[in-house]
Every structure is written in structure tokens, then in C-alpha cells.
Protein backbone atom coordinates (compact mmCIF):
# COMPACT_ATOMS: atom_id res chain seq x y z
CA MET A 1 0.06 -0.06 -0.06
CA ILE A 2 1.29 3.49 -0.94
CA THR A 3 2.23 5.40 2.29
CA PRO A 4 1.05 8.99 2.93
CA GLU A 5 4.79 10.01 2.73
CA THR A 6 5.21 8.59 -1.00
CA ALA A 7 1.79 9.98 -1.80
CA TYR A 8 2.89 13.49 -0.85
CA ILE A 9 6.11 13.27 -2.50
CA ALA A 10 4.51 12.41 -5.60
CA CYS A 11 1.94 15.39 -5.14
CA ARG A 12 4.87 17.65 -4.44
CA PHE A 13 6.67 16.48 -7.59
CA PHE A 14 3.68 17.25 -9.79
CA LEU A 15 3.05 20.52 -8.04
CA ASP A 16 6.69 21.69 -8.34
CA VAL A 17 7.05 20.72 -12.14
CA ALA A 18 3.85 22.57 -12.95
CA ALA A 19 4.69 25.72 -11.11
CA LEU A 20 8.23 25.83 -12.22
CA TYR A 21 7.21 25.48 -15.87
CA LEU A 22 4.41 28.11 -15.63
CA TRP A 23 6.61 30.63 -13.80
CA GLY A 24 9.78 30.05 -16.46
CA SER A 25 7.63 29.90 -19.54
CA SER A 26 5.47 32.90 -18.75
CA ALA A 27 8.34 35.03 -17.76
CA TYR A 28 10.36 34.03 -20.70
CA LEU A 29 7.38 34.80 -23.31
CA TRP A 30 6.57 38.12 -21.46
CA LEU A 31 9.96 39.51 -20.85
CA LEU A 32 12.25 38.13 -23.60
CA VAL A 33 10.35 36.85 -26.52
CA PRO A 34 9.30 39.50 -29.11
CA ALA A 35 5.81 40.30 -28.97
CA SER A 36 5.09 39.24 -32.68
CA LEU A 37 6.18 35.77 -31.68
CA SER A 38 5.28 35.29 -28.06
CA GLY A 39 1.45 35.13 -28.75
CA ASN A 40 2.01 32.32 -31.17
CA ILE A 41 4.26 30.23 -28.82
CA LEU A 42 2.02 30.90 -26.00
CA THR A 43 -1.06 29.59 -28.14
CA ARG A 44 1.09 26.37 -29.01
CA GLN A 45 1.69 25.71 -25.47
CA SER A 46 -2.26 25.87 -24.66
CA TRP A 47 -2.66 22.24 -23.37
CA PRO A 48 0.68 21.89 -21.48
CA ARG A 49 -0.28 25.08 -19.67
CA ALA A 50 -3.75 23.95 -19.02
CA LEU A 51 -2.48 20.58 -17.62
CA ALA A 52 -0.08 22.49 -15.33
CA VAL A 53 -2.59 24.67 -13.94
CA GLY A 54 -4.76 21.60 -13.32
CA CYS A 55 -1.75 19.96 -11.60
CA THR A 56 -1.24 22.86 -9.56
CA VAL A 57 -4.91 22.96 -8.33
CA ALA A 58 -5.20 19.30 -7.76
CA ALA A 59 -1.89 19.10 -6.00
CA THR A 60 -2.84 21.79 -3.70
CA VAL A 61 -6.17 20.34 -2.73
CA LEU A 62 -4.45 16.88 -2.11
CA ALA A 63 -1.60 18.29 -0.23
CA LEU A 64 -3.43 19.14 3.13
CA PRO A 65 -5.08 15.78 3.55
CA PHE A 66 -1.81 13.95 2.63
CA ARG A 67 -0.05 16.07 5.22
CA SER A 68 -2.71 15.33 7.77
CA ALA A 69 -2.26 11.56 7.10
CA ILE A 70 1.55 11.87 7.64
CA LEU A 71 1.20 13.69 10.88
CA GLY A 72 -1.41 11.18 12.09
CA GLU A 73 0.49 8.25 10.84
CA ASP A 74 -2.75 6.80 9.31
CA TRP A 75 -4.47 7.27 6.13
CA ALA A 76 -7.76 7.73 8.07
CA GLN A 77 -6.39 11.15 9.18
CA ALA A 78 -6.76 12.18 5.45
CA PHE A 79 -10.44 12.28 5.88
CA ASP A 80 -10.42 13.96 9.33
CA PHE A 81 -11.63 17.55 8.78
CA SER A 82 -10.99 18.53 12.47
CA ALA A 83 -7.33 17.42 12.13
CA MET A 84 -6.94 19.28 8.94
CA LEU A 85 -8.47 22.24 10.70
CA ASP A 86 -6.00 21.88 13.53
CA ILE A 87 -3.14 21.87 10.94
CA LEU A 88 -4.41 25.08 9.43
CA SER A 89 -4.88 26.97 12.56
CA GLY A 90 -1.94 25.93 14.55
CA THR A 91 1.02 24.97 12.48
CA THR A 92 3.67 26.28 10.08
CA ILE A 93 2.51 23.60 7.56
CA GLY A 94 -0.85 25.10 7.77
CA THR A 95 0.31 28.65 7.03
CA ALA A 96 2.31 27.33 4.01
CA TRP A 97 -0.56 25.37 2.64
CA MET A 98 -2.72 28.48 2.80
CA TRP A 99 0.00 30.43 0.92
CA GLN A 100 -0.05 27.66 -1.56
CA ALA A 101 -3.72 27.60 -1.85
CA ALA A 102 -3.73 31.46 -2.58
CA GLY A 103 -0.98 31.01 -5.35
CA ALA A 104 -2.87 28.12 -7.01
CA ALA A 105 -6.21 30.20 -6.89
CA ALA A 106 -4.35 33.14 -8.49
CA LEU A 107 -2.87 30.86 -11.18
CA LEU A 108 -6.20 29.65 -12.00
CA ILE A 109 -7.81 33.15 -12.14
CA ALA A 110 -4.74 34.43 -14.32
CA TYR A 111 -5.29 31.36 -16.56
CA ILE A 112 -9.04 31.71 -16.94
CA ALA A 113 -9.96 35.37 -16.60
CA THR A 114 -6.95 37.22 -17.90
CA PRO A 115 -7.04 38.61 -21.43
CA THR A 116 -4.58 36.80 -23.81
CA ARG A 117 -2.30 39.80 -24.26
CA LEU A 118 -1.90 40.03 -20.37
CA ARG A 119 -1.94 36.36 -19.56
CA ALA A 120 1.86 35.72 -19.68
CA ALA A 121 2.53 38.57 -17.19
CA ALA A 122 -0.25 37.80 -15.06
CA MET A 123 0.72 34.03 -14.82
CA THR A 124 4.41 35.18 -14.07
CA PHE A 125 3.34 37.05 -10.83
CA ALA A 126 1.02 34.21 -9.88
CA ALA A 127 3.40 31.52 -10.32
CA GLY A 128 6.15 33.49 -8.80
CA PHE A 129 4.09 34.10 -5.68
CA LEU A 130 3.27 30.28 -5.50
CA LEU A 131 7.08 29.35 -5.80
CA ALA A 132 8.02 31.89 -3.26
CA GLY A 133 5.60 30.24 -0.63
CA LEU A 134 6.80 26.81 -1.41
CA ALA A 135 10.35 27.76 -1.10
CA ALA A 136 9.77 29.65 2.33
CA SER A 137 8.17 26.56 3.63
CA GLY A 138 10.97 24.19 3.16
CA HIS A 139 13.97 23.42 5.63
CA ALA A 140 14.31 27.32 6.24
CA ALA A 141 11.42 27.08 8.57
CA MET A 142 13.17 25.09 10.99
CA ASN A 143 15.27 28.24 11.82
CA THR A 144 14.36 31.34 13.91
CA GLY A 145 14.72 35.06 13.73
CA TRP A 146 17.13 36.76 11.13
CA PHE A 147 18.51 33.46 10.05
CA ARG A 148 15.27 31.97 9.12
CA ALA A 149 14.57 35.41 7.03
CA LEU A 150 17.91 34.96 5.33
CA HIS A 151 17.55 31.29 4.62
CA ARG A 152 14.05 31.86 3.15
CA GLY A 153 15.42 34.63 0.88
CA VAL A 154 18.21 32.33 -0.56
CA ASP A 155 15.66 29.59 -0.84
CA ILE A 156 13.32 31.78 -2.87
CA VAL A 157 16.02 33.14 -4.87
CA HIS A 158 17.16 29.48 -5.72
CA VAL A 159 13.77 28.21 -6.91
CA LEU A 160 12.90 31.19 -8.94
CA ALA A 161 16.27 31.29 -10.68
CA GLY A 162 16.04 27.61 -11.25
CA GLY A 163 12.48 27.94 -12.43
CA ALA A 164 13.40 30.54 -14.79
CA TRP A 165 15.95 28.41 -16.46
CA PHE A 166 13.84 25.15 -16.46
CA GLY A 167 10.39 26.59 -17.39
CA ALA A 168 11.90 28.56 -20.35
CA LEU A 169 13.30 25.39 -21.93
CA ILE A 170 9.93 24.18 -23.31
CA PRO A 171 9.23 27.31 -25.29
CA VAL A 172 12.89 27.24 -26.24
CA ALA A 173 12.43 23.91 -27.89
CA ILE A 174 9.32 25.14 -29.77
CA ILE A 175 11.10 28.26 -31.01
CA LEU A 176 14.25 26.41 -32.25
CA PRO A 177 12.62 25.01 -35.40
CA LEU A 178 11.66 28.62 -36.38
CA LEU A 179 14.95 29.73 -36.88
CA SER A 180 14.92 28.71 -40.55
CA ASP A 181 11.37 30.08 -41.04
CA HIS A 182 11.52 33.14 -43.43
CA ARG A 183 8.92 35.22 -41.40
CA ALA A 184 9.72 34.24 -37.79
CA GLY A 185 13.42 33.46 -38.04
CA ARG A 186 14.68 36.90 -36.73
CA ASP A 187 12.21 37.00 -33.85
CA ALA A 188 13.31 33.39 -33.05
CA THR A 189 16.91 34.37 -33.22
CA THR A 190 16.22 37.41 -31.05
CA ALA A 191 14.29 35.30 -28.41
CA LEU A 192 16.98 32.75 -28.26
CA VAL A 193 20.02 35.28 -27.85
CA ARG A 194 18.11 36.66 -25.13
CA PHE A 195 17.34 33.36 -23.61
CA SER A 196 21.19 32.82 -23.65
CA THR A 197 21.93 36.04 -22.08
CA ALA A 198 19.34 35.62 -19.31
CA GLY A 199 20.48 32.02 -18.86
CA HIS A 200 23.99 33.13 -17.72
CA ILE A 201 22.39 35.16 -14.97
CA ALA A 202 20.08 32.42 -13.83
CA VAL A 203 22.71 29.64 -13.77
CA GLY A 204 24.90 32.03 -11.68
CA MET A 205 22.19 32.67 -9.29
CA VAL A 206 21.32 28.94 -9.03
CA LEU A 207 25.05 28.09 -8.35
CA ILE A 208 25.46 30.73 -5.46
CA SER A 209 22.07 30.36 -3.79
CA GLY A 210 22.33 26.66 -4.03
CA ALA A 211 25.88 26.65 -2.38
CA GLY A 212 24.59 29.04 0.23
CA ASN A 213 21.29 26.72 1.00
CA MET A 214 23.47 23.87 1.28
CA PHE A 215 25.81 25.34 3.88
CA MET A 216 22.84 26.78 5.72
CA ILE A 217 21.37 23.34 5.94
CA ILE A 218 24.20 20.75 6.43
CA GLY A 219 27.06 23.31 7.25
CA GLY A 220 29.15 21.98 4.29
CA PHE A 221 29.34 19.69 1.53
CA PRO A 222 26.95 16.44 1.43
CA LEU A 223 29.75 13.91 1.95
CA ASP A 224 27.90 11.68 4.51
CA TRP A 225 26.17 9.31 2.02
CA SER A 226 24.90 7.15 4.83
CA VAL A 227 22.33 9.88 5.24
CA VAL A 228 19.74 9.61 2.26
CA TYR A 229 19.20 13.49 2.25
CA GLN A 230 22.85 14.05 1.48
CA LEU A 231 23.16 11.20 -0.89
CA LEU A 232 20.07 12.69 -2.87
CA LEU A 233 21.53 16.04 -2.67
CA SER A 234 24.82 14.88 -4.21
CA LEU A 235 22.73 13.31 -6.96
CA LYS A 236 20.93 16.67 -7.52
CA ILE A 237 24.19 18.50 -7.76
CA LEU A 238 25.70 16.02 -10.32
CA LEU A 239 22.40 16.41 -12.42
CA VAL A 240 22.58 20.20 -12.22
CA LEU A 241 26.21 20.30 -13.27
CA SER A 242 25.27 18.00 -16.09
CA MET A 243 22.61 20.57 -17.25
CA ILE A 244 25.20 23.37 -17.12
CA GLY A 245 27.72 21.31 -19.06
CA LEU A 246 24.94 21.14 -21.79
CA ALA A 247 24.11 24.70 -21.53
CA ILE A 248 27.78 25.64 -22.05
CA LEU A 249 27.98 23.39 -25.16
CA HIS A 250 24.80 24.84 -26.60
CA ARG A 251 26.03 28.27 -26.10
CA TYR A 252 29.80 28.09 -26.98
CA VAL A 253 29.77 25.20 -29.52
CA LEU A 254 26.31 24.87 -31.14
CA VAL A 255 24.97 28.29 -31.40
CA PRO A 256 28.11 29.77 -33.56
CA LYS A 257 27.27 27.13 -36.02
CA LEU A 258 23.64 27.92 -36.42
CA SER A 259 24.27 30.09 -39.48
CA TRP A 260 25.53 27.50 -41.58
CA SER A 261 25.01 24.08 -39.97
CA HIS A 262 21.37 22.54 -40.06
CA GLY A 263 22.83 19.91 -37.75
CA ALA A 264 23.51 22.33 -35.17
CA VAL A 265 19.89 23.04 -34.85
CA THR A 266 18.96 19.35 -34.47
CA ALA A 267 21.70 18.94 -31.88
CA LEU A 268 20.40 22.05 -30.02
CA ARG A 269 16.80 20.49 -29.96
CA ILE A 270 17.96 17.20 -28.81
CA GLY A 271 20.21 18.84 -26.21
CA THR A 272 17.34 21.00 -24.97
CA VAL A 273 15.14 17.91 -24.56
CA VAL A 274 17.83 16.27 -22.60
CA GLU A 275 17.96 19.32 -20.22
CA ILE A 276 14.50 19.15 -19.83
CA VAL A 277 14.50 15.36 -18.69
CA LEU A 278 17.31 16.16 -16.26
CA ALA A 279 15.45 18.95 -14.87
CA PHE A 280 12.39 16.80 -14.28
CA ALA A 281 14.88 14.25 -12.52
CA VAL A 282 16.16 17.12 -10.24
CA VAL A 283 12.78 18.28 -9.18
CA GLY A 284 11.98 14.71 -8.37
CA LEU A 285 14.94 14.54 -6.20
CA VAL A 286 14.01 17.75 -4.47
CA ALA A 287 10.49 16.56 -3.83
CA TRP A 288 11.82 13.62 -2.27
CA PHE A 289 14.75 14.84 -0.09
CA GLY A 290 12.78 17.78 0.97
CA THR A 291 10.74 15.55 3.24
CA LEU A 292 13.96 14.09 4.83
CA GLU A 293 16.21 15.03 7.77
CA PRO A 294 19.53 16.63 6.40
CA ALA A 295 21.62 15.08 8.96
CA ALA A 296 21.99 11.77 10.93
CA MET A 297 19.68 11.75 13.87
């Protein structure tokens, strides 16, 4: 039988993937893709975006009863409304869930009620708000005073920077084939150049905030692999470094060849898909070790 902990990890995985995608793709289309192209790319992502919004809402609804079952160590607690009310009224978990619920509601409203020309901007703000709440409720919540505030700030920067990178990869994969299009080629080139520039900043922020977060939680490098948290964190670091290696290959080896090599475009598309797969694995690891103790008890 599936345990409440396993169900919650799966729930958190789908929530994180959906929110990161909506944040990164919306911010990219709003801020970096030329307006003449962004509307087309937004339309072509209609079903993934609808699915992501649905996942966000469903995962939010399920998260509270799953948490109740975990705390009560019994699936029956998932259907105990008084237990869930106690969580909402007296715990940091409840406060975090209410922030999550507000963010999910804002995303749903932005998706359904916002005019198309404003949708990317509205969903950027809503997804950013949701992710900030999720980040602030992690291991940083164990701290107190100014250190808690600092740790939460570092967490938020890490999640938003990583999401900006990961979430933009899907629209980038859609834009790449347009490089050879006579009408959209120039705008596609502009969008990709801007992604590359912003990507340098995002990757730098991911590395700096990730290192800070690691030292704040475990006080050093994750070298004690007898602790599952540190083992999974090490795997995450390896995957992120692999993504960075691919990004460097794309920017400094393949991009200079785009003007004369059709194979470079194909290689870029394949590499981008590989980055997306690696990003999914990273999010899965984070959803898992985010529920674990970072050091041996």
C-alpha cells in the first residue's frame, strides 16, 4: 500500500514541475520573446499550460489531507476535517498550505480570466508568488529570527532562478525550429539570444544560492552518503552540473554554428530535450529529499 509520505512526495513533484514550468515559460514569453512571436508560442503551449494549471490546483487540494495523514501516521487522518483544521490553525505547515492555496487560486484566475495579451504577465506573478511560498516553507522554516529570514530569501532566489531556467526550456524547444522560417526567423533568433543572456544570470544565481542553501542546511558539502538526504542532494548537484555542461555546449559550440549548419539546430533541440529530462529528475529528487532530515539523527 502506498504510504502517505510517498503520496505526498508524488503530489509535491507534480506541483513543483507545474509551477516551475508556468513561472519560467510565462516570464520568458512576457519579458524576452518579441511580442510578434510570443503570442504564437503561448498558443502552441495551450494544452501543457492547461495541464500544469490543473496539476497545480489538484496537488494543492490533495496536499493538506496527505499532510494530515503523515502527521497522524494513518490514512484515516486524510479524511478527518477536524485534524486538517488543527493543522491550518496552529502549524507552520498550515500557514504554508494557505499560501500555496492562494497561489494556486491566483494561477487559476490568471489562466481563466486574464485577457490573452496580459496572460503571460499575470501568470508570471501568480506562479512566482506560489513558488516563493513553497520555497519559504522548506527546511528554512526550522530556523528562527534573522537566520530564518535570510535562509528563506536564499531559498526563494534559488527556486525562482532555477524555475526561470527550467521553465523556459519548453518554449525554447518550440522556438528552435523557427530559426529557418523566413517570417519568424529573426524574432526566433532574438528570443534565443535573450534566453542565452538571461540563462547566464539564472545559472549563476542557481549556483550561488544553491551553495548558500547547502551550507545553511548541512554546514558543508554533502559527503555523508549514509544519510539519504545528503546522497540525494549529491545526485541533484551532479544532475545540475550536467545541465550546466549542456548549456555551455549549446552556447559556445552549437550556437556559433547555427548560421551555416542545419545539424547544429537538430543537436540543439536534442540537447534541450535532454536538459528538460534532467530538470524533471532534479525536481523529483528535491520533492523526495525535501521531506527528509538533512543530517543523521
